[in-house]
Amino acid sequence: MKILVTGAAGFIGMHVCERLLARGDEVLGIDNLNDYYDVHLKEARLARLTVLPGFRFAKLDLADRDGMARRFADEKFARVVHLGAQAGVRYSLQNPHAYADSNLVGFLNILEGCRQTGVGHLVYASSSSVYGDSQKIPFAEDDNVDRPVSLYAATKKANELMAHAYSHLYGFPATGLRFFTVYGPWGRPDMAYFGFTKAILEGRSIDVYNHGQLQRDFTYIDDIVEGIVRLLDKPPAAEAIPPHARHRVFNIGNHQPVALLEFIQTIEQALGREAIKNFLPMQPGDVHATYADTAKLAEWVDFAPRTPLKEGIARFVDWYRDWREGAAG
């Protein structure tokens, strides 16, 4: 099966490509390799993929309407896994137009490509950020999500609405995944666990927002990939309520929120070093807690994330030490 994976040089994208290739799929990965974070890390991820049979890569920006249209027309993909996006809550305060280009214009180009070429199933990344600072926990897919507290969250909610409309209008199946704080080897340097690990090893202080009074539903990368692949193979049926679109949204999280200070302590134990903590107030666009209700995911594909935080952090730390030594060499 020929599959398009956007954001292939990204954290989740690389792991999804590896999994699809391992089972024998043909994968075209695209990425614009922007400098939102270290391009060398993205290139290193790509280097792991380019040696694998069945993988091809094209440097392409999601917002390039003509370039995207040509790729869809030429390749005739059976499935699309759309993971490419401008990520980051705080960065959206500094560079809002990047979110419009990638997350809105880029997503429309994906939807148009799927419509014009008869793609069998689109699986796309949404985010737990759509829940805003909701006090109702755990977060369930049927909760009201019309009060985003960041531009990033607003673009992800817009993606869900756009996908639903296209699925209704043109009949192709689409599945959105609300990711909850993904972590693991080959992760993103802008994520807290990556920055904390780097700073602790270098003897620098770490910034702890809201004085540590935050909770997150940390979800290990292998669990995310498992959920994506299972959903890719099971397109949604028509909704029971009008307009009967073939569109569904699922939470994918570890359904076990962890206090930020406990999270930091887990990293400290894995590193064998104590962090120097710089306690700071709540930051604009941040939320107090995330907690995924994954009952619908488990019912649909007989799977829900379950990797213990201690185990997942230990794997990340092992990878990071190797990566750090390789980069230094």
Protein backbone atom coordinates (compact mmCIF):
# COMPACT_ATOMS: atom_id res chain seq x y z
CA MET A 1 0.00 0.00 0.00
CA LYS A 2 1.35 3.43 -0.94
CA ILE A 3 1.11 5.88 1.96
CA LEU A 4 1.94 9.57 2.24
CA VAL A 5 3.39 10.63 5.59
CA THR A 6 3.73 14.36 6.13
CA GLY A 7 6.20 15.62 8.72
CA ALA A 8 8.34 12.56 7.98
CA ALA A 9 11.47 14.17 9.43
CA GLY A 10 9.59 14.96 12.62
CA PHE A 11 9.50 13.03 15.87
CA ILE A 12 6.25 11.11 15.39
CA GLY A 13 6.61 11.06 11.61
CA MET A 14 9.91 9.19 11.65
CA HIS A 15 8.59 6.52 13.99
CA VAL A 16 5.39 6.05 11.96
CA CYS A 17 7.41 5.71 8.74
CA GLU A 18 9.63 3.05 10.33
CA ARG A 19 6.59 1.07 11.46
CA LEU A 20 4.84 1.24 8.07
CA LEU A 21 8.01 0.28 6.20
CA ALA A 22 8.62 -2.64 8.56
CA ARG A 23 5.27 -4.14 7.59
CA GLY A 24 5.97 -3.72 3.87
CA ASP A 25 4.17 -0.50 2.91
CA GLU A 26 5.58 1.94 0.36
CA VAL A 27 6.04 5.34 2.00
CA LEU A 28 6.60 8.79 0.54
CA GLY A 29 7.67 11.14 3.29
CA ILE A 30 7.50 14.89 2.91
CA ASP A 31 8.82 17.64 5.15
CA ASN A 32 9.93 21.24 4.67
CA LEU A 33 12.84 20.80 7.14
CA ASN A 34 12.23 24.21 8.69
CA ASP A 35 14.44 25.57 11.47
CA TYR A 36 11.82 25.67 14.25
CA TYR A 37 14.30 23.40 16.01
CA ASP A 38 17.68 21.81 15.16
CA VAL A 39 17.61 20.80 11.49
CA HIS A 40 20.49 18.38 12.12
CA LEU A 41 18.16 16.28 14.28
CA LYS A 42 15.59 16.20 11.48
CA GLU A 43 18.27 15.21 9.00
CA ALA A 44 19.46 12.44 11.32
CA ARG A 45 15.93 11.07 11.53
CA LEU A 46 15.70 11.12 7.75
CA ALA A 47 19.02 9.31 7.48
CA ARG A 48 17.47 6.40 9.39
CA LEU A 49 14.63 6.25 6.89
CA THR A 50 16.41 6.71 3.57
CA VAL A 51 18.31 3.42 3.94
CA LEU A 52 15.07 1.45 4.37
CA PRO A 53 13.48 -0.31 1.36
CA GLY A 54 10.25 1.29 0.23
CA PHE A 55 10.98 4.81 1.49
CA ARG A 56 11.27 7.96 -0.62
CA PHE A 57 11.57 11.55 0.54
CA ALA A 58 10.56 14.85 -1.02
CA LYS A 59 11.32 18.24 0.50
CA LEU A 60 8.02 20.05 0.18
CA ASP A 61 6.11 22.72 2.09
CA LEU A 62 2.51 21.88 2.96
CA ALA A 63 1.50 25.42 1.98
CA ASP A 64 2.81 24.94 -1.58
CA ARG A 65 -0.55 24.43 -3.28
CA ASP A 66 0.75 23.48 -6.71
CA GLY A 67 3.54 21.29 -5.37
CA MET A 68 1.16 19.38 -3.11
CA ALA A 69 -1.43 18.98 -5.86
CA ARG A 70 1.21 17.55 -8.22
CA ARG A 71 2.38 15.03 -5.63
CA PHE A 72 -1.14 13.78 -4.99
CA ALA A 73 -1.89 13.56 -8.72
CA ASP A 74 1.36 11.78 -9.57
CA GLU A 75 1.45 9.31 -6.67
CA LYS A 76 -2.20 8.27 -6.18
CA PHE A 77 -1.83 7.46 -2.48
CA ALA A 78 -4.02 4.81 -0.89
CA ARG A 79 -3.73 6.36 2.58
CA VAL A 80 -2.43 9.60 4.09
CA VAL A 81 -0.97 10.10 7.57
CA HIS A 82 -0.82 13.84 8.11
CA LEU A 83 1.58 14.71 10.94
CA GLY A 84 3.25 17.80 9.48
CA ALA A 85 2.31 21.01 11.31
CA GLN A 86 3.73 24.03 13.03
CA ALA A 87 3.86 22.83 16.62
CA GLY A 88 4.34 24.64 19.91
CA VAL A 89 2.00 26.67 22.08
CA ARG A 90 4.43 29.39 23.17
CA TYR A 91 5.96 29.81 19.69
CA SER A 92 2.53 30.79 18.36
CA LEU A 93 2.81 33.98 20.41
CA GLN A 94 5.95 34.92 18.47
CA ASN A 95 5.22 33.71 14.95
CA PRO A 96 1.46 33.38 14.39
CA HIS A 97 1.60 33.45 10.60
CA ALA A 98 3.60 30.20 10.55
CA TYR A 99 0.55 28.49 12.08
CA ALA A 100 -1.80 29.88 9.45
CA ASP A 101 0.50 28.77 6.62
CA SER A 102 1.18 25.24 7.84
CA ASN A 103 -1.83 24.31 9.95
CA LEU A 104 -4.61 25.98 7.95
CA VAL A 105 -3.46 26.49 4.35
CA GLY A 106 -1.33 23.33 4.52
CA PHE A 107 -4.18 21.26 5.90
CA LEU A 108 -6.56 22.52 3.23
CA ASN A 109 -4.04 21.37 0.61
CA ILE A 110 -4.04 17.91 2.23
CA LEU A 111 -7.84 17.75 2.18
CA GLU A 112 -7.96 18.86 -1.45
CA GLY A 113 -5.37 16.26 -2.40
CA CYS A 114 -7.38 13.54 -0.71
CA ARG A 115 -10.59 14.71 -2.42
CA GLN A 116 -9.14 15.07 -5.90
CA THR A 117 -7.35 11.72 -5.96
CA GLY A 118 -9.72 9.44 -4.04
CA VAL A 119 -7.54 8.71 -1.00
CA GLY A 120 -9.01 5.81 0.97
CA HIS A 121 -8.40 7.17 4.47
CA LEU A 122 -6.85 10.29 5.99
CA VAL A 123 -5.45 10.05 9.52
CA TYR A 124 -4.38 13.43 10.85
CA ALA A 125 -2.87 14.88 14.01
CA SER A 126 -5.00 17.01 16.26
CA SER A 127 -4.00 17.84 19.83
CA SER A 128 -5.15 17.74 23.44
CA SER A 129 -4.69 21.52 23.27
CA VAL A 130 -8.19 21.78 21.79
CA TYR A 131 -9.60 21.16 25.29
CA GLY A 132 -8.19 24.49 26.46
CA ASP A 133 -8.00 24.90 30.22
CA SER A 134 -11.06 22.74 30.82
CA GLN A 135 -11.67 21.79 34.43
CA LYS A 136 -13.65 18.71 33.42
CA ILE A 137 -11.32 15.73 33.58
CA PRO A 138 -10.67 13.31 32.10
CA PHE A 139 -11.08 14.96 28.70
CA ALA A 140 -13.58 13.12 26.51
CA GLU A 141 -14.08 13.46 22.76
CA ASP A 142 -17.65 14.71 23.23
CA ASP A 143 -16.60 17.59 25.51
CA ASN A 144 -17.15 21.15 24.36
CA VAL A 145 -13.91 22.41 22.78
CA ASP A 146 -14.74 25.92 21.61
CA ARG A 147 -12.58 27.82 24.11
CA PRO A 148 -8.94 27.43 22.97
CA VAL A 149 -6.28 29.30 24.93
CA SER A 150 -3.63 29.37 22.19
CA LEU A 151 -3.53 29.96 18.46
CA TYR A 152 -2.01 26.51 18.02
CA ALA A 153 -5.05 24.96 19.71
CA ALA A 154 -7.40 27.03 17.56
CA THR A 155 -5.74 25.80 14.36
CA LYS A 156 -6.05 22.18 15.52
CA LYS A 157 -9.75 22.60 16.28
CA ALA A 158 -10.12 24.20 12.84
CA ASN A 159 -8.50 21.09 11.33
CA GLU A 160 -11.13 18.88 12.93
CA LEU A 161 -13.95 21.05 11.57
CA MET A 162 -12.39 21.20 8.09
CA ALA A 163 -11.89 17.43 7.96
CA HIS A 164 -15.47 16.82 9.08
CA ALA A 165 -16.80 19.14 6.38
CA TYR A 166 -14.72 17.51 3.64
CA SER A 167 -15.66 14.03 4.79
CA HIS A 168 -19.34 14.99 4.68
CA LEU A 169 -19.14 16.79 1.34
CA TYR A 170 -16.92 14.36 -0.55
CA GLY A 171 -17.39 11.07 1.26
CA PHE A 172 -13.79 10.13 2.10
CA PRO A 173 -13.04 8.75 5.59
CA ALA A 174 -10.97 10.88 7.98
CA THR A 175 -9.77 10.24 11.52
CA GLY A 176 -8.32 12.87 13.85
CA LEU A 177 -6.07 12.03 16.78
CA ARG A 178 -5.84 14.29 19.81
CA PHE A 179 -2.29 13.59 20.98
CA PHE A 180 -1.44 14.02 24.65
CA THR A 181 2.16 15.13 25.42
CA VAL A 182 4.16 12.64 23.37
CA TYR A 183 7.70 11.76 24.52
CA GLY A 184 10.45 9.27 23.74
CA PRO A 185 13.67 8.71 21.74
CA TRP A 186 14.28 11.07 18.82
CA GLY A 187 11.92 13.58 20.44
CA ARG A 188 11.61 17.32 19.90
CA PRO A 189 14.13 19.65 21.60
CA ASP A 190 11.38 22.20 22.32
CA MET A 191 9.55 19.72 24.56
CA ALA A 192 10.02 19.97 28.32
CA TYR A 193 11.44 16.48 28.89
CA PHE A 194 14.13 17.06 26.25
CA GLY A 195 15.06 20.49 27.59
CA PHE A 196 15.05 19.29 31.20
CA THR A 197 17.34 16.36 30.40
CA LYS A 198 19.78 18.57 28.49
CA ALA A 199 19.88 21.24 31.20
CA ILE A 200 20.31 18.78 34.08
CA LEU A 201 23.24 17.05 32.38
CA GLU A 202 24.83 20.45 31.67
CA GLY A 203 24.33 21.64 35.26
CA ARG A 204 21.95 24.45 34.27
CA SER A 205 18.67 25.33 35.94
CA ILE A 206 15.30 24.35 34.49
CA ASP A 207 12.24 26.60 34.32
CA VAL A 208 9.28 25.08 36.17
CA TYR A 209 6.08 26.88 35.25
CA ASN A 210 3.15 27.57 37.57
CA HIS A 211 5.56 26.68 40.39
CA GLY A 212 5.25 23.03 39.41
CA GLN A 213 1.47 22.90 39.86
CA LEU A 214 0.76 21.34 36.46
CA GLN A 215 -0.27 17.87 35.34
CA ARG A 216 0.26 16.19 31.99
CA ASP A 217 -0.82 12.91 30.44
CA PHE A 218 2.60 11.85 29.13
CA THR A 219 2.30 9.33 26.29
CA TYR A 220 5.17 7.20 25.01
CA ILE A 221 5.94 7.32 21.30
CA ASP A 222 5.51 3.57 20.66
CA ASP A 223 1.95 3.76 21.98
CA ILE A 224 1.20 6.71 19.70
CA VAL A 225 2.51 4.83 16.67
CA GLU A 226 0.51 1.72 17.55
CA GLY A 227 -2.66 3.79 17.75
CA ILE A 228 -1.99 5.55 14.45
CA VAL A 229 -1.35 2.33 12.55
CA ARG A 230 -4.38 0.55 13.96
CA LEU A 231 -6.62 3.49 13.11
CA LEU A 232 -5.13 3.81 9.63
CA ASP A 233 -6.26 0.25 8.93
CA LYS A 234 -9.79 0.89 10.20
CA PRO A 235 -11.50 3.82 8.46
CA PRO A 236 -14.53 5.16 10.30
CA ALA A 237 -18.08 4.27 9.36
CA ALA A 238 -20.69 6.98 8.86
CA GLU A 239 -21.69 8.88 11.99
CA ALA A 240 -25.00 7.91 13.54
CA ILE A 241 -26.22 11.51 13.55
CA PRO A 242 -26.69 13.82 10.54
CA PRO A 243 -24.88 14.67 8.33
CA HIS A 244 -23.48 11.12 8.68
CA ALA A 245 -19.89 12.03 7.80
CA ARG A 246 -17.26 9.29 7.80
CA HIS A 247 -15.19 11.20 10.34
CA ARG A 248 -14.14 10.46 13.91
CA VAL A 249 -11.86 12.01 16.50
CA PHE A 250 -10.08 10.01 19.19
CA ASN A 251 -8.02 10.85 22.24
CA ILE A 252 -4.70 9.05 22.40
CA GLY A 253 -3.02 9.49 25.76
CA ASN A 254 -1.72 7.39 28.62
CA HIS A 255 -4.92 8.14 30.62
CA GLN A 256 -2.78 8.70 33.71
CA PRO A 257 -1.92 12.34 34.48
CA VAL A 258 1.39 12.96 36.22
CA ALA A 259 2.30 15.99 38.31
CA LEU A 260 5.10 18.07 36.76
CA LEU A 261 7.33 17.74 39.84
CA GLU A 262 6.90 13.95 39.78
CA PHE A 263 7.80 14.00 36.09
CA ILE A 264 10.98 15.97 36.84
CA GLN A 265 11.81 13.57 39.65
CA THR A 266 11.50 10.64 37.23
CA ILE A 267 14.01 12.32 34.90
CA GLU A 268 16.34 13.03 37.85
CA GLN A 269 16.26 9.36 38.86
CA ALA A 270 17.02 8.21 35.31
CA LEU A 271 19.95 10.64 35.08
CA GLY A 272 21.21 10.13 38.61
CA ARG A 273 21.31 13.92 39.07
CA GLU A 274 19.12 16.49 40.76
CA ALA A 275 17.69 19.41 38.81
CA ILE A 276 18.25 23.04 39.76
CA LYS A 277 14.69 24.35 39.63
CA ASN A 278 13.68 27.88 38.72
CA PHE A 279 10.03 28.23 39.71
CA LEU A 280 8.03 30.59 37.52
CA PRO A 281 4.36 31.66 37.17
CA MET A 282 1.90 30.25 34.65
CA GLN A 283 2.73 31.12 31.06
CA PRO A 284 0.32 32.55 28.45
CA GLY A 285 -1.37 29.79 26.46
CA ASP A 286 -0.57 27.08 29.01
CA VAL A 287 -3.13 24.85 30.72
CA HIS A 288 -3.23 23.39 34.23
CA ALA A 289 -3.87 19.74 33.41
CA THR A 290 -4.38 17.24 30.60
CA TYR A 291 -5.97 13.82 31.08
CA ALA A 292 -7.24 11.58 28.28
CA ASP A 293 -10.33 9.43 28.39
CA THR A 294 -9.34 6.71 25.90
CA ALA A 295 -12.41 4.48 26.14
CA LYS A 296 -13.52 5.20 22.56
CA LEU A 297 -10.07 4.43 21.15
CA ALA A 298 -9.92 1.14 23.06
CA GLU A 299 -13.40 0.18 21.88
CA TRP A 300 -12.64 0.97 18.21
CA VAL A 301 -9.18 -0.60 17.79
CA ASP A 302 -8.78 -2.69 20.97
CA PHE A 303 -5.80 -0.64 22.14
CA ALA A 304 -4.93 2.15 24.56
CA PRO A 305 -1.49 3.50 25.57
CA ARG A 306 -0.03 1.84 28.63
CA THR A 307 3.75 2.42 28.83
CA PRO A 308 4.75 3.40 32.41
CA LEU A 309 6.43 6.80 32.66
CA LYS A 310 9.51 5.43 34.42
CA GLU A 311 10.11 2.94 31.61
CA GLY A 312 9.55 5.48 28.84
CA ILE A 313 11.80 8.13 30.40
CA ALA A 314 14.57 5.58 30.92
CA ARG A 315 14.45 4.75 27.19
CA PHE A 316 14.56 8.42 26.27
CA VAL A 317 17.51 9.12 28.58
CA ASP A 318 19.44 6.18 27.12
CA TRP A 319 18.84 7.51 23.63
CA TYR A 320 19.71 11.09 24.61
CA ARG A 321 23.05 10.10 26.13
CA ASP A 322 23.97 8.28 22.91
CA TRP A 323 22.76 11.17 20.76
CA ARG A 324 24.67 13.71 22.86
CA GLU A 325 27.88 11.73 22.63
CA GLY A 326 27.48 11.31 18.88
CA ALA A 327 26.81 15.02 18.39
CA ALA A 328 29.84 15.91 20.49
CA GLY A 329 32.03 13.53 18.52
